[in-house]
mmCIF file of all heavy atoms, coordinates in Angstrom:
data_MODEL
# 
_entry.id   MODEL 
# 
loop_
_atom_site.group_PDB 
_atom_site.id 
_atom_site.type_symbol 
_atom_site.label_atom_id 
_atom_site.label_alt_id 
_atom_site.label_comp_id 
_atom_site.label_asym_id 
_atom_site.label_entity_id 
_atom_site.label_seq_id 
_atom_site.pdbx_PDB_ins_code 
_atom_site.Cartn_x 
_atom_site.Cartn_y 
_atom_site.Cartn_z 
_atom_site.occupancy 
_atom_site.B_iso_or_equiv 
_atom_site.pdbx_formal_charge 
_atom_site.auth_seq_id 
_atom_site.auth_comp_id 
_atom_site.auth_asym_id 
_atom_site.auth_atom_id 
_atom_site.pdbx_PDB_model_num 
ATOM 1   N N   . HIS A 1 1  ? 0.821   -1.263 0.006  1.00 0.00 ? 1  HIS A N   1 
ATOM 2   C CA  . HIS A 1 1  ? 0.025   0.012  0.034  1.00 0.00 ? 1  HIS A CA  1 
ATOM 3   C C   . HIS A 1 1  ? 0.855   1.263  0.033  1.00 0.00 ? 1  HIS A C   1 
ATOM 4   O O   . HIS A 1 1  ? 0.553   2.226  -0.634 1.00 0.00 ? 1  HIS A O   1 
ATOM 5   C CB  . HIS A 1 1  ? -0.957  -0.044 1.203  1.00 0.00 ? 1  HIS A CB  1 
ATOM 6   C CG  . HIS A 1 1  ? -1.818  1.142  1.334  1.00 0.00 ? 1  HIS A CG  1 
ATOM 7   N ND1 . HIS A 1 1  ? -1.512  2.369  1.808  1.00 0.00 ? 1  HIS A ND1 1 
ATOM 8   C CD2 . HIS A 1 1  ? -3.169  1.313  0.900  1.00 0.00 ? 1  HIS A CD2 1 
ATOM 9   C CE1 . HIS A 1 1  ? -2.479  3.219  1.770  1.00 0.00 ? 1  HIS A CE1 1 
ATOM 10  N NE2 . HIS A 1 1  ? -3.559  2.666  1.326  1.00 0.00 ? 1  HIS A NE2 1 
ATOM 11  N N   . GLY A 1 2  ? 1.940   1.189  0.812  1.00 0.00 ? 2  GLY A N   1 
ATOM 12  C CA  . GLY A 1 2  ? 2.888   2.390  0.828  1.00 0.00 ? 2  GLY A CA  1 
ATOM 13  C C   . GLY A 1 2  ? 2.638   3.315  1.907  1.00 0.00 ? 2  GLY A C   1 
ATOM 14  O O   . GLY A 1 2  ? 3.561   4.022  2.364  1.00 0.00 ? 2  GLY A O   1 
ATOM 15  N N   . ASP A 1 3  ? 1.407   3.450  2.492  1.00 0.00 ? 3  ASP A N   1 
ATOM 16  C CA  . ASP A 1 3  ? 1.199   4.360  3.604  1.00 0.00 ? 3  ASP A CA  1 
ATOM 17  C C   . ASP A 1 3  ? -0.018  3.945  4.331  1.00 0.00 ? 3  ASP A C   1 
ATOM 18  O O   . ASP A 1 3  ? -0.976  4.633  4.562  1.00 0.00 ? 3  ASP A O   1 
ATOM 19  C CB  . ASP A 1 3  ? 0.991   5.785  2.999  1.00 0.00 ? 3  ASP A CB  1 
ATOM 20  C CG  . ASP A 1 3  ? 0.868   6.856  4.071  1.00 0.00 ? 3  ASP A CG  1 
ATOM 21  O OD1 . ASP A 1 3  ? 1.472   6.582  5.196  1.00 0.00 ? 3  ASP A OD1 1 
ATOM 22  O OD2 . ASP A 1 3  ? 0.266   7.807  3.830  1.00 0.00 ? 3  ASP A OD2 1 
ATOM 23  N N   . LEU A 1 4  ? -0.049  2.615  4.715  1.00 0.00 ? 4  LEU A N   1 
ATOM 24  C CA  . LEU A 1 4  ? -1.270  2.039  5.285  1.00 0.00 ? 4  LEU A CA  1 
ATOM 25  C C   . LEU A 1 4  ? -1.421  2.370  6.747  1.00 0.00 ? 4  LEU A C   1 
ATOM 26  O O   . LEU A 1 4  ? -0.622  1.941  7.584  1.00 0.00 ? 4  LEU A O   1 
ATOM 27  C CB  . LEU A 1 4  ? -1.303  0.581  5.102  1.00 0.00 ? 4  LEU A CB  1 
ATOM 28  C CG  . LEU A 1 4  ? -2.649  -0.164 5.361  1.00 0.00 ? 4  LEU A CG  1 
ATOM 29  C CD1 . LEU A 1 4  ? -3.790  0.455  4.679  1.00 0.00 ? 4  LEU A CD1 1 
ATOM 30  C CD2 . LEU A 1 4  ? -2.504  -1.642 5.083  1.00 0.00 ? 4  LEU A CD2 1 
ATOM 31  N N   . SER A 1 5  ? -2.468  3.060  7.094  1.00 0.00 ? 5  SER A N   1 
ATOM 32  C CA  . SER A 1 5  ? -2.756  3.434  8.395  1.00 0.00 ? 5  SER A CA  1 
ATOM 33  C C   . SER A 1 5  ? -4.123  2.993  8.782  1.00 0.00 ? 5  SER A C   1 
ATOM 34  O O   . SER A 1 5  ? -5.010  2.693  7.814  1.00 0.00 ? 5  SER A O   1 
ATOM 35  C CB  . SER A 1 5  ? -2.617  4.866  8.718  1.00 0.00 ? 5  SER A CB  1 
ATOM 36  O OG  . SER A 1 5  ? -3.653  5.659  8.017  1.00 0.00 ? 5  SER A OG  1 
ATOM 37  N N   . ALA A 1 6  ? -4.567  3.094  10.026 1.00 0.00 ? 6  ALA A N   1 
ATOM 38  C CA  . ALA A 1 6  ? -5.921  2.643  10.363 1.00 0.00 ? 6  ALA A CA  1 
ATOM 39  C C   . ALA A 1 6  ? -6.967  3.686  9.918  1.00 0.00 ? 6  ALA A C   1 
ATOM 40  O O   . ALA A 1 6  ? -8.151  3.322  9.803  1.00 0.00 ? 6  ALA A O   1 
ATOM 41  C CB  . ALA A 1 6  ? -6.052  2.567  11.889 1.00 0.00 ? 6  ALA A CB  1 
ATOM 42  N N   . ASP A 1 7  ? -6.609  4.834  9.407  1.00 0.00 ? 7  ASP A N   1 
ATOM 43  C CA  . ASP A 1 7  ? -7.454  5.812  8.870  1.00 0.00 ? 7  ASP A CA  1 
ATOM 44  C C   . ASP A 1 7  ? -7.750  5.548  7.401  1.00 0.00 ? 7  ASP A C   1 
ATOM 45  O O   . ASP A 1 7  ? -8.589  6.257  6.806  1.00 0.00 ? 7  ASP A O   1 
ATOM 46  C CB  . ASP A 1 7  ? -6.899  7.193  9.059  1.00 0.00 ? 7  ASP A CB  1 
ATOM 47  C CG  . ASP A 1 7  ? -6.990  7.696  10.461 1.00 0.00 ? 7  ASP A CG  1 
ATOM 48  O OD1 . ASP A 1 7  ? -7.897  7.211  11.239 1.00 0.00 ? 7  ASP A OD1 1 
ATOM 49  O OD2 . ASP A 1 7  ? -6.244  8.582  10.900 1.00 0.00 ? 7  ASP A OD2 1 
ATOM 50  N N   . GLU A 1 8  ? -6.988  4.581  6.760  1.00 0.00 ? 8  GLU A N   1 
ATOM 51  C CA  . GLU A 1 8  ? -7.084  4.277  5.358  1.00 0.00 ? 8  GLU A CA  1 
ATOM 52  C C   . GLU A 1 8  ? -7.914  3.011  5.235  1.00 0.00 ? 8  GLU A C   1 
ATOM 53  O O   . GLU A 1 8  ? -8.047  2.583  4.068  1.00 0.00 ? 8  GLU A O   1 
ATOM 54  C CB  . GLU A 1 8  ? -5.788  4.043  4.778  1.00 0.00 ? 8  GLU A CB  1 
ATOM 55  C CG  . GLU A 1 8  ? -4.816  5.299  4.801  1.00 0.00 ? 8  GLU A CG  1 
ATOM 56  C CD  . GLU A 1 8  ? -5.199  6.401  3.864  1.00 0.00 ? 8  GLU A CD  1 
ATOM 57  O OE1 . GLU A 1 8  ? -6.267  6.242  3.105  1.00 0.00 ? 8  GLU A OE1 1 
ATOM 58  O OE2 . GLU A 1 8  ? -4.598  7.428  3.749  1.00 0.00 ? 8  GLU A OE2 1 
ATOM 59  N N   . VAL A 1 9  ? -8.592  2.621  6.321  1.00 0.00 ? 9  VAL A N   1 
ATOM 60  C CA  . VAL A 1 9  ? -9.448  1.371  6.150  1.00 0.00 ? 9  VAL A CA  1 
ATOM 61  C C   . VAL A 1 9  ? -10.815 1.668  6.793  1.00 0.00 ? 9  VAL A C   1 
ATOM 62  O O   . VAL A 1 9  ? -10.997 2.020  7.951  1.00 0.00 ? 9  VAL A O   1 
ATOM 63  C CB  . VAL A 1 9  ? -8.874  0.215  6.976  1.00 0.00 ? 9  VAL A CB  1 
ATOM 64  C CG1 . VAL A 1 9  ? -9.648  -1.024 6.764  1.00 0.00 ? 9  VAL A CG1 1 
ATOM 65  C CG2 . VAL A 1 9  ? -7.427  -0.086 6.532  1.00 0.00 ? 9  VAL A CG2 1 
ATOM 66  N N   . ILE A 1 10 ? -11.807 1.579  5.964  1.00 0.00 ? 10 ILE A N   1 
ATOM 67  C CA  . ILE A 1 10 ? -13.210 1.711  6.363  1.00 0.00 ? 10 ILE A CA  1 
ATOM 68  C C   . ILE A 1 10 ? -13.796 0.369  6.779  1.00 0.00 ? 10 ILE A C   1 
ATOM 69  O O   . ILE A 1 10 ? -13.541 -0.594 6.078  1.00 0.00 ? 10 ILE A O   1 
ATOM 70  C CB  . ILE A 1 10 ? -14.051 2.354  5.267  1.00 0.00 ? 10 ILE A CB  1 
ATOM 71  C CG1 . ILE A 1 10 ? -13.628 3.739  4.870  1.00 0.00 ? 10 ILE A CG1 1 
ATOM 72  C CG2 . ILE A 1 10 ? -15.543 2.414  5.712  1.00 0.00 ? 10 ILE A CG2 1 
ATOM 73  C CD1 . ILE A 1 10 ? -14.330 4.302  3.612  1.00 0.00 ? 10 ILE A CD1 1 
ATOM 74  N N   . VAL A 1 11 ? -14.379 0.388  7.962  1.00 0.00 ? 11 VAL A N   1 
ATOM 75  C CA  . VAL A 1 11 ? -15.023 -0.874 8.395  1.00 0.00 ? 11 VAL A CA  1 
ATOM 76  C C   . VAL A 1 11 ? -16.456 -0.813 7.858  1.00 0.00 ? 11 VAL A C   1 
ATOM 77  O O   . VAL A 1 11 ? -17.368 -0.300 8.482  1.00 0.00 ? 11 VAL A O   1 
ATOM 78  C CB  . VAL A 1 11 ? -15.028 -0.929 9.939  1.00 0.00 ? 11 VAL A CB  1 
ATOM 79  C CG1 . VAL A 1 11 ? -15.722 -2.177 10.509 1.00 0.00 ? 11 VAL A CG1 1 
ATOM 80  C CG2 . VAL A 1 11 ? -13.610 -0.740 10.456 1.00 0.00 ? 11 VAL A CG2 1 
ATOM 81  N N   . GLY A 1 12 ? -16.604 -1.359 6.694  1.00 0.00 ? 12 GLY A N   1 
ATOM 82  C CA  . GLY A 1 12 ? -17.868 -1.361 5.945  1.00 0.00 ? 12 GLY A CA  1 
ATOM 83  C C   . GLY A 1 12 ? -18.770 -2.439 6.403  1.00 0.00 ? 12 GLY A C   1 
ATOM 84  O O   . GLY A 1 12 ? -18.389 -3.451 7.069  1.00 0.00 ? 12 GLY A O   1 
ATOM 85  N N   . ALA A 1 13 ? -20.063 -2.383 5.971  1.00 0.00 ? 13 ALA A N   1 
ATOM 86  C CA  . ALA A 1 13 ? -21.032 -3.424 6.339  1.00 0.00 ? 13 ALA A CA  1 
ATOM 87  C C   . ALA A 1 13 ? -20.624 -4.801 5.771  1.00 0.00 ? 13 ALA A C   1 
ATOM 88  O O   . ALA A 1 13 ? -20.953 -5.900 6.369  1.00 0.00 ? 13 ALA A O   1 
ATOM 89  C CB  . ALA A 1 13 ? -22.351 -3.056 5.810  1.00 0.00 ? 13 ALA A CB  1 
ATOM 90  N N   . MET A 1 14 ? -19.886 -4.867 4.653  1.00 0.00 ? 14 MET A N   1 
ATOM 91  C CA  . MET A 1 14 ? -19.487 -6.056 3.970  1.00 0.00 ? 14 MET A CA  1 
ATOM 92  C C   . MET A 1 14 ? -18.015 -6.459 4.280  1.00 0.00 ? 14 MET A C   1 
ATOM 93  O O   . MET A 1 14 ? -17.523 -7.308 3.657  1.00 0.00 ? 14 MET A O   1 
ATOM 94  C CB  . MET A 1 14 ? -19.780 -5.984 2.474  1.00 0.00 ? 14 MET A CB  1 
ATOM 95  C CG  . MET A 1 14 ? -21.222 -5.687 2.103  1.00 0.00 ? 14 MET A CG  1 
ATOM 96  S SD  . MET A 1 14 ? -22.322 -6.883 2.776  1.00 0.00 ? 14 MET A SD  1 
ATOM 97  C CE  . MET A 1 14 ? -21.930 -8.284 1.744  1.00 0.00 ? 14 MET A CE  1 
ATOM 98  N N   . GLY A 1 15 ? -17.449 -5.681 5.108  1.00 0.00 ? 15 GLY A N   1 
ATOM 99  C CA  . GLY A 1 15 ? -16.059 -6.058 5.432  1.00 0.00 ? 15 GLY A CA  1 
ATOM 100 C C   . GLY A 1 15 ? -15.121 -4.781 5.273  1.00 0.00 ? 15 GLY A C   1 
ATOM 101 O O   . GLY A 1 15 ? -15.579 -3.649 4.938  1.00 0.00 ? 15 GLY A O   1 
ATOM 102 N N   . PRO A 1 16 ? -13.839 -4.902 5.533  1.00 0.00 ? 16 PRO A N   1 
ATOM 103 C CA  . PRO A 1 16 ? -12.892 -3.787 5.423  1.00 0.00 ? 16 PRO A CA  1 
ATOM 104 C C   . PRO A 1 16 ? -12.696 -3.339 3.983  1.00 0.00 ? 16 PRO A C   1 
ATOM 105 O O   . PRO A 1 16 ? -12.732 -4.084 2.969  1.00 0.00 ? 16 PRO A O   1 
ATOM 106 C CB  . PRO A 1 16 ? -11.570 -4.416 5.860  1.00 0.00 ? 16 PRO A CB  1 
ATOM 107 C CG  . PRO A 1 16 ? -11.703 -5.915 5.661  1.00 0.00 ? 16 PRO A CG  1 
ATOM 108 C CD  . PRO A 1 16 ? -13.132 -6.176 5.858  1.00 0.00 ? 16 PRO A CD  1 
ATOM 109 N N   . VAL A 1 17 ? -12.647 -2.001 3.773  1.00 0.00 ? 17 VAL A N   1 
ATOM 110 C CA  . VAL A 1 17 ? -12.503 -1.309 2.529  1.00 0.00 ? 17 VAL A CA  1 
ATOM 111 C C   . VAL A 1 17 ? -11.228 -0.445 2.574  1.00 0.00 ? 17 VAL A C   1 
ATOM 112 O O   . VAL A 1 17 ? -11.054 0.421  3.537  1.00 0.00 ? 17 VAL A O   1 
ATOM 113 C CB  . VAL A 1 17 ? -13.669 -0.541 2.152  1.00 0.00 ? 17 VAL A CB  1 
ATOM 114 C CG1 . VAL A 1 17 ? -13.406 0.219  0.772  1.00 0.00 ? 17 VAL A CG1 1 
ATOM 115 C CG2 . VAL A 1 17 ? -14.916 -1.310 2.134  1.00 0.00 ? 17 VAL A CG2 1 
ATOM 116 N N   . PHE A 1 18 ? -10.160 -0.718 1.718  1.00 0.00 ? 18 PHE A N   1 
ATOM 117 C CA  . PHE A 1 18 ? -9.024  -0.018 1.707  1.00 0.00 ? 18 PHE A CA  1 
ATOM 118 C C   . PHE A 1 18 ? -8.870  1.135  0.789  1.00 0.00 ? 18 PHE A C   1 
ATOM 119 O O   . PHE A 1 18 ? -9.325  1.036  -0.453 1.00 0.00 ? 18 PHE A O   1 
ATOM 120 C CB  . PHE A 1 18 ? -7.865  -0.991 1.384  1.00 0.00 ? 18 PHE A CB  1 
ATOM 121 C CG  . PHE A 1 18 ? -7.655  -2.067 2.396  1.00 0.00 ? 18 PHE A CG  1 
ATOM 122 C CD1 . PHE A 1 18 ? -8.495  -3.209 2.422  1.00 0.00 ? 18 PHE A CD1 1 
ATOM 123 C CD2 . PHE A 1 18 ? -6.655  -1.940 3.371  1.00 0.00 ? 18 PHE A CD2 1 
ATOM 124 C CE1 . PHE A 1 18 ? -8.362  -4.173 3.385  1.00 0.00 ? 18 PHE A CE1 1 
ATOM 125 C CE2 . PHE A 1 18 ? -6.500  -3.029 4.348  1.00 0.00 ? 18 PHE A CE2 1 
ATOM 126 C CZ  . PHE A 1 18 ? -7.359  -4.086 4.307  1.00 0.00 ? 18 PHE A CZ  1 
ATOM 127 N N   . LEU A 1 19 ? -8.424  2.316  1.279  1.00 0.00 ? 19 LEU A N   1 
ATOM 128 C CA  . LEU A 1 19 ? -8.477  3.570  0.500  1.00 0.00 ? 19 LEU A CA  1 
ATOM 129 C C   . LEU A 1 19 ? -6.947  3.928  0.164  1.00 0.00 ? 19 LEU A C   1 
ATOM 130 O O   . LEU A 1 19 ? -6.007  3.558  0.704  1.00 0.00 ? 19 LEU A O   1 
ATOM 131 C CB  . LEU A 1 19 ? -8.979  4.683  1.421  1.00 0.00 ? 19 LEU A CB  1 
ATOM 132 C CG  . LEU A 1 19 ? -10.438 4.511  2.038  1.00 0.00 ? 19 LEU A CG  1 
ATOM 133 C CD1 . LEU A 1 19 ? -10.675 5.639  2.882  1.00 0.00 ? 19 LEU A CD1 1 
ATOM 134 C CD2 . LEU A 1 19 ? -11.455 4.209  0.932  1.00 0.00 ? 19 LEU A CD2 1 
ATOM 135 N N   . ASP A 1 20 ? -6.958  4.794  -0.889 1.00 0.00 ? 20 ASP A N   1 
ATOM 136 C CA  . ASP A 1 20 ? -5.740  5.559  -1.303 1.00 0.00 ? 20 ASP A CA  1 
ATOM 137 C C   . ASP A 1 20 ? -4.462  4.723  -1.558 1.00 0.00 ? 20 ASP A C   1 
ATOM 138 O O   . ASP A 1 20 ? -3.582  4.621  -0.707 1.00 0.00 ? 20 ASP A O   1 
ATOM 139 C CB  . ASP A 1 20 ? -5.464  6.602  -0.191 1.00 0.00 ? 20 ASP A CB  1 
ATOM 140 C CG  . ASP A 1 20 ? -4.330  7.568  -0.602 1.00 0.00 ? 20 ASP A CG  1 
ATOM 141 O OD1 . ASP A 1 20 ? -3.981  7.576  -1.800 1.00 0.00 ? 20 ASP A OD1 1 
ATOM 142 O OD2 . ASP A 1 20 ? -3.899  8.375  0.265  1.00 0.00 ? 20 ASP A OD2 1 
ATOM 143 N N   . TRP A 1 21 ? -4.355  4.209  -2.731 1.00 0.00 ? 21 TRP A N   1 
ATOM 144 C CA  . TRP A 1 21 ? -3.270  3.343  -3.163 1.00 0.00 ? 21 TRP A CA  1 
ATOM 145 C C   . TRP A 1 21 ? -2.230  4.180  -3.999 1.00 0.00 ? 21 TRP A C   1 
ATOM 146 O O   . TRP A 1 21 ? -1.373  3.558  -4.748 1.00 0.00 ? 21 TRP A O   1 
ATOM 147 C CB  . TRP A 1 21 ? -3.806  2.210  -3.990 1.00 0.00 ? 21 TRP A CB  1 
ATOM 148 C CG  . TRP A 1 21 ? -4.590  1.183  -3.134 1.00 0.00 ? 21 TRP A CG  1 
ATOM 149 C CD1 . TRP A 1 21 ? -5.941  1.293  -2.889 1.00 0.00 ? 21 TRP A CD1 1 
ATOM 150 C CD2 . TRP A 1 21 ? -4.187  0.052  -2.434 1.00 0.00 ? 21 TRP A CD2 1 
ATOM 151 N NE1 . TRP A 1 21 ? -6.372  0.264  -2.044 1.00 0.00 ? 21 TRP A NE1 1 
ATOM 152 C CE2 . TRP A 1 21 ? -5.337  -0.549 -1.792 1.00 0.00 ? 21 TRP A CE2 1 
ATOM 153 C CE3 . TRP A 1 21 ? -2.896  -0.575 -2.266 1.00 0.00 ? 21 TRP A CE3 1 
ATOM 154 C CZ2 . TRP A 1 21 ? -5.150  -1.627 -1.050 1.00 0.00 ? 21 TRP A CZ2 1 
ATOM 155 C CZ3 . TRP A 1 21 ? -2.847  -1.748 -1.472 1.00 0.00 ? 21 TRP A CZ3 1 
ATOM 156 C CH2 . TRP A 1 21 ? -3.897  -2.147 -0.856 1.00 0.00 ? 21 TRP A CH2 1 
ATOM 157 N N   . SER A 1 22 ? -2.174  5.435  -3.726 1.00 0.00 ? 22 SER A N   1 
ATOM 158 C CA  . SER A 1 22 ? -1.157  6.244  -4.595 1.00 0.00 ? 22 SER A CA  1 
ATOM 159 C C   . SER A 1 22 ? 0.251   6.007  -4.299 1.00 0.00 ? 22 SER A C   1 
ATOM 160 O O   . SER A 1 22 ? 1.115   6.190  -5.197 1.00 0.00 ? 22 SER A O   1 
ATOM 161 C CB  . SER A 1 22 ? -1.555  7.741  -4.360 1.00 0.00 ? 22 SER A CB  1 
ATOM 162 O OG  . SER A 1 22 ? -1.418  8.118  -2.967 1.00 0.00 ? 22 SER A OG  1 
ATOM 163 N N   . ASP A 1 23 ? 0.566   5.484  -3.145 1.00 0.00 ? 23 ASP A N   1 
ATOM 164 C CA  . ASP A 1 23 ? 2.009   5.192  -2.774 1.00 0.00 ? 23 ASP A CA  1 
ATOM 165 C C   . ASP A 1 23 ? 2.295   3.702  -2.965 1.00 0.00 ? 23 ASP A C   1 
ATOM 166 O O   . ASP A 1 23 ? 3.313   3.184  -2.614 1.00 0.00 ? 23 ASP A O   1 
ATOM 167 C CB  . ASP A 1 23 ? 2.294   5.545  -1.389 1.00 0.00 ? 23 ASP A CB  1 
ATOM 168 C CG  . ASP A 1 23 ? 2.407   7.040  -1.148 1.00 0.00 ? 23 ASP A CG  1 
ATOM 169 O OD1 . ASP A 1 23 ? 2.462   7.806  -2.140 1.00 0.00 ? 23 ASP A OD1 1 
ATOM 170 O OD2 . ASP A 1 23 ? 2.371   7.537  0.017  1.00 0.00 ? 23 ASP A OD2 1 
ATOM 171 N N   . GLY A 1 24 ? 1.367   3.026  -3.685 1.00 0.00 ? 24 GLY A N   1 
ATOM 172 C CA  . GLY A 1 24 ? 1.448   1.535  -3.946 1.00 0.00 ? 24 GLY A CA  1 
ATOM 173 C C   . GLY A 1 24 ? 2.683   1.239  -4.752 1.00 0.00 ? 24 GLY A C   1 
ATOM 174 O O   . GLY A 1 24 ? 2.985   1.962  -5.803 1.00 0.00 ? 24 GLY A O   1 
ATOM 175 N N   . SER A 1 25 ? 3.273   0.141  -4.439 1.00 0.00 ? 25 SER A N   1 
ATOM 176 C CA  . SER A 1 25 ? 4.448   -0.376 -5.253 1.00 0.00 ? 25 SER A CA  1 
ATOM 177 C C   . SER A 1 25 ? 4.506   -1.879 -5.170 1.00 0.00 ? 25 SER A C   1 
ATOM 178 O O   . SER A 1 25 ? 3.836   -2.474 -4.384 1.00 0.00 ? 25 SER A O   1 
ATOM 179 C CB  . SER A 1 25 ? 5.801   0.278  -4.807 1.00 0.00 ? 25 SER A CB  1 
ATOM 180 O OG  . SER A 1 25 ? 6.112   -0.146 -3.475 1.00 0.00 ? 25 SER A OG  1 
ATOM 181 N N   . ILE A 1 26 ? 5.403   -2.513 -5.891 1.00 0.00 ? 26 ILE A N   1 
ATOM 182 C CA  . ILE A 1 26 ? 5.563   -3.896 -5.873 1.00 0.00 ? 26 ILE A CA  1 
ATOM 183 C C   . ILE A 1 26 ? 6.886   -4.207 -5.095 1.00 0.00 ? 26 ILE A C   1 
ATOM 184 O O   . ILE A 1 26 ? 7.960   -3.828 -5.470 1.00 0.00 ? 26 ILE A O   1 
ATOM 185 C CB  . ILE A 1 26 ? 5.706   -4.489 -7.346 1.00 0.00 ? 26 ILE A CB  1 
ATOM 186 C CG1 . ILE A 1 26 ? 4.630   -4.120 -8.170 1.00 0.00 ? 26 ILE A CG1 1 
ATOM 187 C CG2 . ILE A 1 26 ? 5.880   -6.049 -7.250 1.00 0.00 ? 26 ILE A CG2 1 
ATOM 188 C CD1 . ILE A 1 26 ? 4.821   -4.385 -9.722 1.00 0.00 ? 26 ILE A CD1 1 
# 
């Protein structure tokens, strides 16, 4: 993800949703 924090994950009704992949790399 590159910058994964607890503020980048929404606890949705169907499970966790991950936001903002702009710093993503392999």
